[in-house]
């Protein structure tokens, strides 16, 4: 099972004359298909809009959800999202190594 990452940002849209622009805070979740073992290259997959302006996507304006999805689906934020996922990936690797080392120390301590 792939890990889901989350990314949040503020999007700005033009409007139909009511105002110059509209800003919305968006949180998306996504998966990454890593193309190397170093967590440096990957492809964004399965993007889901999770929240708009702190409201769950299911309760948000469906037009805003669709527009936000289109912005992320077109790849505009891929570099930022991959960078964020890569940092989390590295933290997970280091945490796993720390847990392994701690278990090894415990085992050696109890065997001594």
PDB file of N, CA and C in Angstrom:
ATOM      1  N   UNK A   1       0.839  -1.182   0.000  1.00  0.00           N
ATOM      2  CA  UNK A   1       0.000   0.000   0.000  1.00  0.00           C
ATOM      3  C   UNK A   1       0.882   1.242   0.000  1.00  0.00           C
ATOM      4  N   UNK A   2       0.588   2.157  -0.902  1.00  0.00           N
ATOM      5  CA  UNK A   2       1.373   3.377  -1.017  1.00  0.00           C
ATOM      6  C   UNK A   2       0.986   4.357   0.070  1.00  0.00           C
ATOM      7  N   UNK A   3       1.958   5.154   0.444  1.00  0.00           N
ATOM      8  CA  UNK A   3       1.708   6.194   1.433  1.00  0.00           C
ATOM      9  C   UNK A   3       1.051   7.387   0.737  1.00  0.00           C
ATOM     10  N   UNK A   4       0.083   7.980   1.400  1.00  0.00           N
ATOM     11  CA  UNK A   4      -0.535   9.203   0.897  1.00  0.00           C
ATOM     12  C   UNK A   4       0.142  10.392   1.571  1.00  0.00           C
ATOM     13  N   UNK A   5       0.471  11.367   0.788  1.00  0.00           N
ATOM     14  CA  UNK A   5       1.072  12.596   1.267  1.00  0.00           C
ATOM     15  C   UNK A   5       0.018  13.693   1.189  1.00  0.00           C
ATOM     16  N   UNK A   6       0.198  14.749   1.955  1.00  0.00           N
ATOM     17  CA  UNK A   6      -0.697  15.894   1.852  1.00  0.00           C
ATOM     18  C   UNK A   6       0.108  17.141   1.531  1.00  0.00           C
ATOM     19  N   UNK A   7      -0.525  18.048   0.845  1.00  0.00           N
ATOM     20  CA  UNK A   7       0.105  19.314   0.470  1.00  0.00           C
ATOM     21  C   UNK A   7      -0.962  20.395   0.541  1.00  0.00           C
ATOM     22  N   UNK A   8      -0.630  21.528   1.122  1.00  0.00           N
ATOM     23  CA  UNK A   8      -1.567  22.648   1.243  1.00  0.00           C
ATOM     24  C   UNK A   8      -0.953  23.899   0.639  1.00  0.00           C
ATOM     25  N   UNK A   9      -1.796  24.695   0.011  1.00  0.00           N
ATOM     26  CA  UNK A   9      -1.353  25.958  -0.566  1.00  0.00           C
ATOM     27  C   UNK A   9      -2.568  26.863  -0.768  1.00  0.00           C
ATOM     28  N   UNK A  10      -2.302  28.082  -1.141  1.00  0.00           N
ATOM     29  CA  UNK A  10      -3.361  29.043  -1.445  1.00  0.00           C
ATOM     30  C   UNK A  10      -3.412  29.208  -2.963  1.00  0.00           C
ATOM     31  N   UNK A  11      -4.602  29.063  -3.528  1.00  0.00           N
ATOM     32  CA  UNK A  11      -4.794  29.261  -4.965  1.00  0.00           C
ATOM     33  C   UNK A  11      -5.531  30.570  -5.192  1.00  0.00           C
ATOM     34  N   UNK A  12      -5.206  31.226  -6.307  1.00  0.00           N
ATOM     35  CA  UNK A  12      -5.866  32.475  -6.656  1.00  0.00           C
ATOM     36  C   UNK A  12      -6.506  32.300  -8.033  1.00  0.00           C
ATOM     37  N   UNK A  13      -7.766  32.643  -8.127  1.00  0.00           N
ATOM     38  CA  UNK A  13      -8.512  32.524  -9.382  1.00  0.00           C
ATOM     39  C   UNK A  13      -9.065  33.877  -9.774  1.00  0.00           C
ATOM     40  N   UNK A  14      -9.186  34.094 -11.089  1.00  0.00           N
ATOM     41  CA  UNK A  14      -9.924  35.249 -11.575  1.00  0.00           C
ATOM     42  C   UNK A  14     -11.410  34.973 -11.388  1.00  0.00           C
ATOM     43  N   UNK A  15     -12.200  36.023 -11.338  1.00  0.00           N
ATOM     44  CA  UNK A  15     -13.647  35.857 -11.171  1.00  0.00           C
ATOM     45  C   UNK A  15     -14.370  36.424 -12.382  1.00  0.00           C
ATOM     46  N   UNK A  16     -15.667  36.259 -12.392  1.00  0.00           N
ATOM     47  CA  UNK A  16     -16.478  36.759 -13.505  1.00  0.00           C
ATOM     48  C   UNK A  16     -17.004  38.163 -13.243  1.00  0.00           C
ATOM     49  N   UNK A  17     -16.170  39.029 -12.743  1.00  0.00           N
ATOM     50  CA  UNK A  17     -16.544  40.411 -12.573  1.00  0.00           C
ATOM     51  C   UNK A  17     -16.957  40.816 -11.173  1.00  0.00           C
ATOM     52  N   UNK A  18     -17.223  39.876 -10.305  1.00  0.00           N
ATOM     53  CA  UNK A  18     -17.638  40.236  -8.952  1.00  0.00           C
ATOM     54  C   UNK A  18     -16.480  40.796  -8.131  1.00  0.00           C
ATOM     55  N   UNK A  19     -15.295  40.320  -8.404  1.00  0.00           N
ATOM     56  CA  UNK A  19     -14.091  40.793  -7.713  1.00  0.00           C
ATOM     57  C   UNK A  19     -12.913  40.531  -8.646  1.00  0.00           C
ATOM     58  N   UNK A  20     -11.764  41.130  -8.328  1.00  0.00           N
ATOM     59  CA  UNK A  20     -10.591  40.921  -9.178  1.00  0.00           C
ATOM     60  C   UNK A  20     -10.109  39.480  -9.143  1.00  0.00           C
ATOM     61  N   UNK A  21     -10.172  38.887  -7.954  1.00  0.00           N
ATOM     62  CA  UNK A  21      -9.701  37.508  -7.817  1.00  0.00           C
ATOM     63  C   UNK A  21     -10.322  36.866  -6.583  1.00  0.00           C
ATOM     64  N   UNK A  22     -10.157  35.584  -6.499  1.00  0.00           N
ATOM     65  CA  UNK A  22     -10.660  34.811  -5.367  1.00  0.00           C
ATOM     66  C   UNK A  22      -9.515  33.950  -4.851  1.00  0.00           C
ATOM     67  N   UNK A  23      -9.272  33.954  -3.566  1.00  0.00           N
ATOM     68  CA  UNK A  23      -8.242  33.120  -2.967  1.00  0.00           C
ATOM     69  C   UNK A  23      -8.901  32.019  -2.154  1.00  0.00           C
ATOM     70  N   UNK A  24      -8.390  30.802  -2.328  1.00  0.00           N
ATOM     71  CA  UNK A  24      -8.874  29.686  -1.520  1.00  0.00           C
ATOM     72  C   UNK A  24      -7.674  28.880  -1.018  1.00  0.00           C
ATOM     73  N   UNK A  25      -7.768  28.432   0.215  1.00  0.00           N
ATOM     74  CA  UNK A  25      -6.758  27.534   0.767  1.00  0.00           C
ATOM     75  C   UNK A  25      -7.184  26.117   0.420  1.00  0.00           C
ATOM     76  N   UNK A  26      -6.261  25.362  -0.156  1.00  0.00           N
ATOM     77  CA  UNK A  26      -6.568  24.016  -0.627  1.00  0.00           C
ATOM     78  C   UNK A  26      -5.591  23.020  -0.015  1.00  0.00           C
ATOM     79  N   UNK A  27      -6.131  21.889   0.421  1.00  0.00           N
ATOM     80  CA  UNK A  27      -5.307  20.760   0.852  1.00  0.00           C
ATOM     81  C   UNK A  27      -5.650  19.582  -0.043  1.00  0.00           C
ATOM     82  N   UNK A  28      -4.616  18.982  -0.614  1.00  0.00           N
ATOM     83  CA  UNK A  28      -4.805  17.787  -1.430  1.00  0.00           C
ATOM     84  C   UNK A  28      -4.017  16.643  -0.818  1.00  0.00           C
ATOM     85  N   UNK A  29      -4.437  15.425  -1.130  1.00  0.00           N
ATOM     86  CA  UNK A  29      -3.635  14.260  -0.793  1.00  0.00           C
ATOM     87  C   UNK A  29      -3.272  13.585  -2.113  1.00  0.00           C
ATOM     88  N   UNK A  30      -2.181  12.825  -2.083  1.00  0.00           N
ATOM     89  CA  UNK A  30      -1.699  12.208  -3.315  1.00  0.00           C
ATOM     90  C   UNK A  30      -0.736  11.085  -2.976  1.00  0.00           C
ATOM     91  N   UNK A  31      -0.471  10.255  -3.962  1.00  0.00           N
ATOM     92  CA  UNK A  31       0.535   9.213  -3.850  1.00  0.00           C
ATOM     93  C   UNK A  31       1.658   9.534  -4.810  1.00  0.00           C
ATOM     94  N   UNK A  32       2.815   8.936  -4.558  1.00  0.00           N
ATOM     95  CA  UNK A  32       3.953   9.116  -5.446  1.00  0.00           C
ATOM     96  C   UNK A  32       4.445   7.744  -5.882  1.00  0.00           C
ATOM     97  N   UNK A  33       4.598   7.582  -7.182  1.00  0.00           N
ATOM     98  CA  UNK A  33       5.247   6.387  -7.721  1.00  0.00           C
ATOM     99  C   UNK A  33       6.727   6.748  -7.849  1.00  0.00           C
ATOM    100  N   UNK A  34       7.521   6.286  -6.877  1.00  0.00           N
ATOM    101  CA  UNK A  34       8.948   6.632  -6.872  1.00  0.00           C
ATOM    102  C   UNK A  34       9.648   5.919  -8.022  1.00  0.00           C
ATOM    103  N   UNK A  35      10.468   6.664  -8.760  1.00  0.00           N
ATOM    104  CA  UNK A  35      11.182   6.124  -9.908  1.00  0.00           C
ATOM    105  C   UNK A  35      12.614   5.734  -9.570  1.00  0.00           C
ATOM    106  N   UNK A  36      13.023   5.995  -8.338  1.00  0.00           N
ATOM    107  CA  UNK A  36      14.356   5.585  -7.888  1.00  0.00           C
ATOM    108  C   UNK A  36      14.275   5.188  -6.422  1.00  0.00           C
ATOM    109  N   UNK A  37      15.356   4.632  -5.901  1.00  0.00           N
ATOM    110  CA  UNK A  37      15.383   4.183  -4.514  1.00  0.00           C
ATOM    111  C   UNK A  37      15.783   5.278  -3.542  1.00  0.00           C
ATOM    112  N   UNK A  38      16.022   6.472  -4.061  1.00  0.00           N
ATOM    113  CA  UNK A  38      16.500   7.570  -3.216  1.00  0.00           C
ATOM    114  C   UNK A  38      15.413   8.574  -2.867  1.00  0.00           C
ATOM    115  N   UNK A  39      14.192   8.361  -3.338  1.00  0.00           N
ATOM    116  CA  UNK A  39      13.124   9.298  -3.044  1.00  0.00           C
ATOM    117  C   UNK A  39      13.326  10.655  -3.692  1.00  0.00           C
ATOM    118  N   UNK A  40      14.032  10.691  -4.815  1.00  0.00           N
ATOM    119  CA  UNK A  40      14.310  11.962  -5.477  1.00  0.00           C
ATOM    120  C   UNK A  40      13.473  12.175  -6.727  1.00  0.00           C
ATOM    121  N   UNK A  41      13.119  11.100  -7.428  1.00  0.00           N
ATOM    122  CA  UNK A  41      12.345  11.229  -8.667  1.00  0.00           C
ATOM    123  C   UNK A  41      11.079  10.397  -8.535  1.00  0.00           C
ATOM    124  N   UNK A  42       9.978  10.989  -8.912  1.00  0.00           N
ATOM    125  CA  UNK A  42       8.724  10.265  -8.829  1.00  0.00           C
ATOM    126  C   UNK A  42       7.644  10.926  -9.651  1.00  0.00           C
ATOM    127  N   UNK A  43       6.515  10.243  -9.732  1.00  0.00           N
ATOM    128  CA  UNK A  43       5.366  10.769 -10.447  1.00  0.00           C
ATOM    129  C   UNK A  43       4.189  10.868  -9.486  1.00  0.00           C
ATOM    130  N   UNK A  44       3.502  11.987  -9.534  1.00  0.00           N
ATOM    131  CA  UNK A  44       2.326  12.213  -8.702  1.00  0.00           C
ATOM    132  C   UNK A  44       1.164  11.381  -9.247  1.00  0.00           C
ATOM    133  N   UNK A  45       0.469  10.707  -8.345  1.00  0.00           N
ATOM    134  CA  UNK A  45      -0.677   9.890  -8.739  1.00  0.00           C
ATOM    135  C   UNK A  45      -1.833  10.110  -7.771  1.00  0.00           C
ATOM    136  N   UNK A  46      -3.031   9.817  -8.227  1.00  0.00           N
ATOM    137  CA  UNK A  46      -4.237   9.754  -7.399  1.00  0.00           C
ATOM    138  C   UNK A  46      -4.422  11.005  -6.526  1.00  0.00           C
ATOM    139  N   UNK A  47      -4.468  12.164  -7.169  1.00  0.00           N
ATOM    140  CA  UNK A  47      -4.674  13.428  -6.443  1.00  0.00           C
ATOM    141  C   UNK A  47      -6.133  13.498  -5.994  1.00  0.00           C
ATOM    142  N   UNK A  48      -6.316  13.887  -4.732  1.00  0.00           N
ATOM    143  CA  UNK A  48      -7.659  14.077  -4.179  1.00  0.00           C
ATOM    144  C   UNK A  48      -7.696  15.410  -3.440  1.00  0.00           C
ATOM    145  N   UNK A  49      -8.692  16.215  -3.736  1.00  0.00           N
ATOM    146  CA  UNK A  49      -8.888  17.453  -2.977  1.00  0.00           C
ATOM    147  C   UNK A  49      -9.522  17.053  -1.649  1.00  0.00           C
ATOM    148  N   UNK A  50      -8.839  17.373  -0.565  1.00  0.00           N
ATOM    149  CA  UNK A  50      -9.308  16.989   0.774  1.00  0.00           C
ATOM    150  C   UNK A  50     -10.059  18.113   1.483  1.00  0.00           C
ATOM    151  N   UNK A  51      -9.612  19.361   1.253  1.00  0.00           N
ATOM    152  CA  UNK A  51     -10.238  20.483   1.963  1.00  0.00           C
ATOM    153  C   UNK A  51     -10.104  21.766   1.151  1.00  0.00           C
ATOM    154  N   UNK A  52     -11.120  22.610   1.291  1.00  0.00           N
ATOM    155  CA  UNK A  52     -11.127  23.954   0.720  1.00  0.00           C
ATOM    156  C   UNK A  52     -11.434  24.903   1.872  1.00  0.00           C
ATOM    157  N   UNK A  53     -10.529  25.847   2.111  1.00  0.00           N
ATOM    158  CA  UNK A  53     -10.701  26.815   3.204  1.00  0.00           C
ATOM    159  C   UNK A  53     -11.081  26.117   4.516  1.00  0.00           C
ATOM    160  N   UNK A  54     -10.386  25.062   4.842  1.00  0.00           N
ATOM    161  CA  UNK A  54     -10.532  24.288   6.085  1.00  0.00           C
ATOM    162  C   UNK A  54     -11.817  23.474   6.164  1.00  0.00           C
ATOM    163  N   UNK A  55     -12.636  23.486   5.130  1.00  0.00           N
ATOM    164  CA  UNK A  55     -13.836  22.642   5.105  1.00  0.00           C
ATOM    165  C   UNK A  55     -13.522  21.381   4.306  1.00  0.00           C
ATOM    166  N   UNK A  56     -14.020  20.258   4.768  1.00  0.00           N
ATOM    167  CA  UNK A  56     -13.841  19.020   4.009  1.00  0.00           C
ATOM    168  C   UNK A  56     -14.369  19.222   2.600  1.00  0.00           C
ATOM    169  N   UNK A  57     -13.711  18.620   1.628  1.00  0.00           N
ATOM    170  CA  UNK A  57     -14.097  18.793   0.229  1.00  0.00           C
ATOM    171  C   UNK A  57     -15.556  18.426  -0.007  1.00  0.00           C
ATOM    172  N   UNK A  58     -16.047  17.443   0.726  1.00  0.00           N
ATOM    173  CA  UNK A  58     -17.448  17.023   0.554  1.00  0.00           C
ATOM    174  C   UNK A  58     -18.426  18.135   0.937  1.00  0.00           C
ATOM    175  N   UNK A  59     -18.014  19.054   1.801  1.00  0.00           N
ATOM    176  CA  UNK A  59     -18.880  20.153   2.235  1.00  0.00           C
ATOM    177  C   UNK A  59     -18.595  21.453   1.487  1.00  0.00           C
ATOM    178  N   UNK A  60     -17.534  21.478   0.689  1.00  0.00           N
ATOM    179  CA  UNK A  60     -17.126  22.702  -0.008  1.00  0.00           C
ATOM    180  C   UNK A  60     -17.919  22.879  -1.302  1.00  0.00           C
ATOM    181  N   UNK A  61     -17.805  24.062  -1.863  1.00  0.00           N
ATOM    182  CA  UNK A  61     -18.436  24.370  -3.149  1.00  0.00           C
ATOM    183  C   UNK A  61     -17.869  23.439  -4.216  1.00  0.00           C
ATOM    184  N   UNK A  62     -18.712  22.666  -4.891  1.00  0.00           N
ATOM    185  CA  UNK A  62     -18.215  21.706  -5.883  1.00  0.00           C
ATOM    186  C   UNK A  62     -17.451  22.360  -7.031  1.00  0.00           C
ATOM    187  N   UNK A  63     -17.789  23.592  -7.380  1.00  0.00           N
ATOM    188  CA  UNK A  63     -17.059  24.289  -8.438  1.00  0.00           C
ATOM    189  C   UNK A  63     -15.635  24.590  -7.977  1.00  0.00           C
ATOM    190  N   UNK A  64     -15.491  25.040  -6.739  1.00  0.00           N
ATOM    191  CA  UNK A  64     -14.159  25.319  -6.201  1.00  0.00           C
ATOM    192  C   UNK A  64     -13.336  24.033  -6.123  1.00  0.00           C
ATOM    193  N   UNK A  65     -13.960  22.931  -5.723  1.00  0.00           N
ATOM    194  CA  UNK A  65     -13.249  21.648  -5.653  1.00  0.00           C
ATOM    195  C   UNK A  65     -12.782  21.238  -7.044  1.00  0.00           C
ATOM    196  N   UNK A  66     -13.652  21.365  -8.035  1.00  0.00           N
ATOM    197  CA  UNK A  66     -13.298  20.985  -9.408  1.00  0.00           C
ATOM    198  C   UNK A  66     -12.183  21.868  -9.960  1.00  0.00           C
ATOM    199  N   UNK A  67     -12.264  23.167  -9.713  1.00  0.00           N
ATOM    200  CA  UNK A  67     -11.218  24.073 -10.198  1.00  0.00           C
ATOM    201  C   UNK A  67      -9.886  23.785  -9.510  1.00  0.00           C
ATOM    202  N   UNK A  68      -9.923  23.531  -8.210  1.00  0.00           N
ATOM    203  CA  UNK A  68      -8.688  23.203  -7.495  1.00  0.00           C
ATOM    204  C   UNK A  68      -8.099  21.905  -8.036  1.00  0.00           C
ATOM    205  N   UNK A  69      -8.947  20.909  -8.234  1.00  0.00           N
ATOM    206  CA  UNK A  69      -8.462  19.642  -8.774  1.00  0.00           C
ATOM    207  C   UNK A  69      -7.781  19.849 -10.121  1.00  0.00           C
ATOM    208  N   UNK A  70      -8.392  20.643 -10.997  1.00  0.00           N
ATOM    209  CA  UNK A  70      -7.809  20.896 -12.315  1.00  0.00           C
ATOM    210  C   UNK A  70      -6.424  21.527 -12.207  1.00  0.00           C
ATOM    211  N   UNK A  71      -6.262  22.457 -11.257  1.00  0.00           N
ATOM    212  CA  UNK A  71      -4.960  23.114 -11.084  1.00  0.00           C
ATOM    213  C   UNK A  71      -3.892  22.094 -10.686  1.00  0.00           C
ATOM    214  N   UNK A  72      -4.237  21.201  -9.778  1.00  0.00           N
ATOM    215  CA  UNK A  72      -3.254  20.206  -9.340  1.00  0.00           C
ATOM    216  C   UNK A  72      -3.052  19.113 -10.386  1.00  0.00           C
ATOM    217  N   UNK A  73      -4.103  18.726 -11.051  1.00  0.00           N
ATOM    218  CA  UNK A  73      -4.024  17.661 -12.052  1.00  0.00           C
ATOM    219  C   UNK A  73      -3.149  18.059 -13.240  1.00  0.00           C
ATOM    220  N   UNK A  74      -3.113  19.340 -13.572  1.00  0.00           N
ATOM    221  CA  UNK A  74      -2.317  19.787 -14.722  1.00  0.00           C
ATOM    222  C   UNK A  74      -0.820  19.830 -14.414  1.00  0.00           C
ATOM    223  N   UNK A  75      -0.439  19.611 -13.168  1.00  0.00           N
ATOM    224  CA  UNK A  75       0.976  19.524 -12.823  1.00  0.00           C
ATOM    225  C   UNK A  75       1.604  20.809 -12.335  1.00  0.00           C
ATOM    226  N   UNK A  76       0.818  21.837 -12.143  1.00  0.00           N
ATOM    227  CA  UNK A  76       1.358  23.139 -11.736  1.00  0.00           C
ATOM    228  C   UNK A  76       2.172  23.065 -10.446  1.00  0.00           C
ATOM    229  N   UNK A  77       1.775  22.180  -9.529  1.00  0.00           N
ATOM    230  CA  UNK A  77       2.452  22.090  -8.237  1.00  0.00           C
ATOM    231  C   UNK A  77       3.262  20.795  -8.075  1.00  0.00           C
ATOM    232  N   UNK A  78       3.498  20.080  -9.167  1.00  0.00           N
ATOM    233  CA  UNK A  78       4.198  18.796  -9.069  1.00  0.00           C
ATOM    234  C   UNK A  78       5.564  18.915  -8.390  1.00  0.00           C
ATOM    235  N   UNK A  79       6.345  19.908  -8.757  1.00  0.00           N
ATOM    236  CA  UNK A  79       7.685  20.045  -8.160  1.00  0.00           C
ATOM    237  C   UNK A  79       7.603  20.244  -6.653  1.00  0.00           C
ATOM    238  N   UNK A  80       6.707  21.125  -6.212  1.00  0.00           N
ATOM    239  CA  UNK A  80       6.557  21.373  -4.781  1.00  0.00           C
ATOM    240  C   UNK A  80       6.049  20.131  -4.052  1.00  0.00           C
ATOM    241  N   UNK A  81       5.085  19.442  -4.677  1.00  0.00           N
ATOM    242  CA  UNK A  81       4.519  18.248  -4.053  1.00  0.00           C
ATOM    243  C   UNK A  81       5.552  17.125  -3.972  1.00  0.00           C
ATOM    244  N   UNK A  82       6.352  16.957  -5.024  1.00  0.00           N
ATOM    245  CA  UNK A  82       7.401  15.925  -4.992  1.00  0.00           C
ATOM    246  C   UNK A  82       8.469  16.268  -3.965  1.00  0.00           C
ATOM    247  N   UNK A  83       8.822  17.545  -3.860  1.00  0.00           N
ATOM    248  CA  UNK A  83       9.800  17.961  -2.863  1.00  0.00           C
ATOM    249  C   UNK A  83       9.285  17.664  -1.454  1.00  0.00           C
ATOM    250  N   UNK A  84       8.027  17.992  -1.204  1.00  0.00           N
ATOM    251  CA  UNK A  84       7.410  17.727   0.102  1.00  0.00           C
ATOM    252  C   UNK A  84       7.410  16.220   0.395  1.00  0.00           C
ATOM    253  N   UNK A  85       6.985  15.421  -0.581  1.00  0.00           N
ATOM    254  CA  UNK A  85       6.941  13.963  -0.396  1.00  0.00           C
ATOM    255  C   UNK A  85       8.339  13.394  -0.204  1.00  0.00           C
ATOM    256  N   UNK A  86       9.307  13.925  -0.930  1.00  0.00           N
ATOM    257  CA  UNK A  86      10.685  13.453  -0.810  1.00  0.00           C
ATOM    258  C   UNK A  86      11.227  13.700   0.594  1.00  0.00           C
ATOM    259  N   UNK A  87      10.913  14.852   1.172  1.00  0.00           N
ATOM    260  CA  UNK A  87      11.347  15.142   2.540  1.00  0.00           C
ATOM    261  C   UNK A  87      10.704  14.182   3.526  1.00  0.00           C
ATOM    262  N   UNK A  88       9.410  13.906   3.356  1.00  0.00           N
ATOM    263  CA  UNK A  88       8.731  12.950   4.232  1.00  0.00           C
ATOM    264  C   UNK A  88       9.302  11.551   4.049  1.00  0.00           C
ATOM    265  N   UNK A  89       9.590  11.187   2.797  1.00  0.00           N
ATOM    266  CA  UNK A  89      10.163   9.881   2.489  1.00  0.00           C
ATOM    267  C   UNK A  89      11.496   9.727   3.235  1.00  0.00           C
ATOM    268  N   UNK A  90      12.344  10.750   3.164  1.00  0.00           N
ATOM    269  CA  UNK A  90      13.647  10.698   3.836  1.00  0.00           C
ATOM    270  C   UNK A  90      13.474  10.580   5.350  1.00  0.00           C
ATOM    271  N   UNK A  91      12.530  11.339   5.914  1.00  0.00           N
ATOM    272  CA  UNK A  91      12.268  11.243   7.355  1.00  0.00           C
ATOM    273  C   UNK A  91      11.816   9.833   7.732  1.00  0.00           C
ATOM    274  N   UNK A  92      10.961   9.236   6.909  1.00  0.00           N
ATOM    275  CA  UNK A  92      10.503   7.868   7.175  1.00  0.00           C
ATOM    276  C   UNK A  92      11.658   6.877   7.139  1.00  0.00           C
ATOM    277  N   UNK A  93      12.555   7.048   6.173  1.00  0.00           N
ATOM    278  CA  UNK A  93      13.715   6.154   6.064  1.00  0.00           C
ATOM    279  C   UNK A  93      14.600   6.296   7.302  1.00  0.00           C
ATOM    280  N   UNK A  94      14.888   7.539   7.695  1.00  0.00           N
ATOM    281  CA  UNK A  94      15.739   7.751   8.869  1.00  0.00           C
ATOM    282  C   UNK A  94      15.080   7.237  10.143  1.00  0.00           C
ATOM    283  N   UNK A  95      13.770   7.414  10.261  1.00  0.00           N
ATOM    284  CA  UNK A  95      13.057   6.878  11.424  1.00  0.00           C
ATOM    285  C   UNK A  95      13.145   5.352  11.457  1.00  0.00           C
ATOM    286  N   UNK A  96      12.991   4.716  10.308  1.00  0.00           N
ATOM    287  CA  UNK A  96      13.089   3.254  10.240  1.00  0.00           C
ATOM    288  C   UNK A  96      14.493   2.781  10.608  1.00  0.00           C
ATOM    289  N   UNK A  97      15.501   3.499  10.143  1.00  0.00           N
ATOM    290  CA  UNK A  97      16.883   3.141  10.491  1.00  0.00           C
ATOM    291  C   UNK A  97      17.130   3.317  11.981  1.00  0.00           C
ATOM    292  N   UNK A  98      16.603   4.398  12.557  1.00  0.00           N
ATOM    293  CA  UNK A  98      16.745   4.621  14.001  1.00  0.00           C
ATOM    294  C   UNK A  98      16.078   3.507  14.798  1.00  0.00           C
ATOM    295  N   UNK A  99      14.866   3.107  14.380  1.00  0.00           N
ATOM    296  CA  UNK A  99      14.171   2.018  15.076  1.00  0.00           C
ATOM    297  C   UNK A  99      14.943   0.712  14.967  1.00  0.00           C
ATOM    298  N   UNK A 100      15.510   0.448  13.785  1.00  0.00           N
ATOM    299  CA  UNK A 100      16.301  -0.770  13.600  1.00  0.00           C
ATOM    300  C   UNK A 100      17.544  -0.751  14.488  1.00  0.00           C
ATOM    301  N   UNK A 101      18.219   0.386  14.520  1.00  0.00           N
ATOM    302  CA  UNK A 101      19.420   0.499  15.351  1.00  0.00           C
ATOM    303  C   UNK A 101      19.084   0.362  16.835  1.00  0.00           C
ATOM    304  N   UNK A 102      17.963   0.960  17.259  1.00  0.00           N
ATOM    305  CA  UNK A 102      17.551   0.853  18.653  1.00  0.00           C
ATOM    306  C   UNK A 102      17.221  -0.597  19.011  1.00  0.00           C
ATOM    307  N   UNK A 103      16.542  -1.291  18.128  1.00  0.00           N
ATOM    308  CA  UNK A 103      16.223  -2.708  18.375  1.00  0.00           C
ATOM    309  C   UNK A 103      17.501  -3.531  18.450  1.00  0.00           C
ATOM    310  N   UNK A 104      18.451  -3.221  17.602  1.00  0.00           N
ATOM    311  CA  UNK A 104      19.736  -3.934  17.619  1.00  0.00           C
ATOM    312  C   UNK A 104      20.475  -3.678  18.933  1.00  0.00           C
ATOM    313  N   UNK A 105      20.477  -2.422  19.396  1.00  0.00           N
ATOM    314  CA  UNK A 105      21.139  -2.105  20.667  1.00  0.00           C
ATOM    315  C   UNK A 105      20.451  -2.826  21.827  1.00  0.00           C
ATOM    316  N   UNK A 106      19.118  -2.837  21.821  1.00  0.00           N
ATOM    317  CA  UNK A 106      18.367  -3.538  22.871  1.00  0.00           C
ATOM    318  C   UNK A 106      18.714  -5.028  22.890  1.00  0.00           C
ATOM    319  N   UNK A 107      18.760  -5.610  21.698  1.00  0.00           N
ATOM    320  CA  UNK A 107      19.061  -7.033  21.590  1.00  0.00           C
ATOM    321  C   UNK A 107      20.473  -7.324  22.103  1.00  0.00           C
ATOM    322  N   UNK A 108      21.429  -6.500  21.711  1.00  0.00           N
ATOM    323  CA  UNK A 108      22.808  -6.693  22.190  1.00  0.00           C
ATOM    324  C   UNK A 108      22.917  -6.491  23.681  1.00  0.00           C
ATOM    325  N   UNK A 109      22.190  -5.517  24.199  1.00  0.00           N
ATOM    326  CA  UNK A 109      22.218  -5.233  25.633  1.00  0.00           C
ATOM    327  C   UNK A 109      21.648  -6.406  26.432  1.00  0.00           C
ATOM    328  N   UNK A 110      20.562  -6.975  25.969  1.00  0.00           N
ATOM    329  CA  UNK A 110      19.937  -8.074  26.703  1.00  0.00           C
ATOM    330  C   UNK A 110      20.706  -9.380  26.540  1.00  0.00           C
ATOM    331  N   UNK A 111      21.455  -9.536  25.448  1.00  0.00           N
ATOM    332  CA  UNK A 111      22.236 -10.747  25.233  1.00  0.00           C
ATOM    333  C   UNK A 111      23.550 -10.708  26.014  1.00  0.00           C
ATOM    334  N   UNK A 112      23.963  -9.514  26.402  1.00  0.00           N
ATOM    335  CA  UNK A 112      25.265  -9.391  27.083  1.00  0.00           C
ATOM    336  C   UNK A 112      25.201  -9.827  28.525  1.00  0.00           C
TER     337      UNK A 112
END
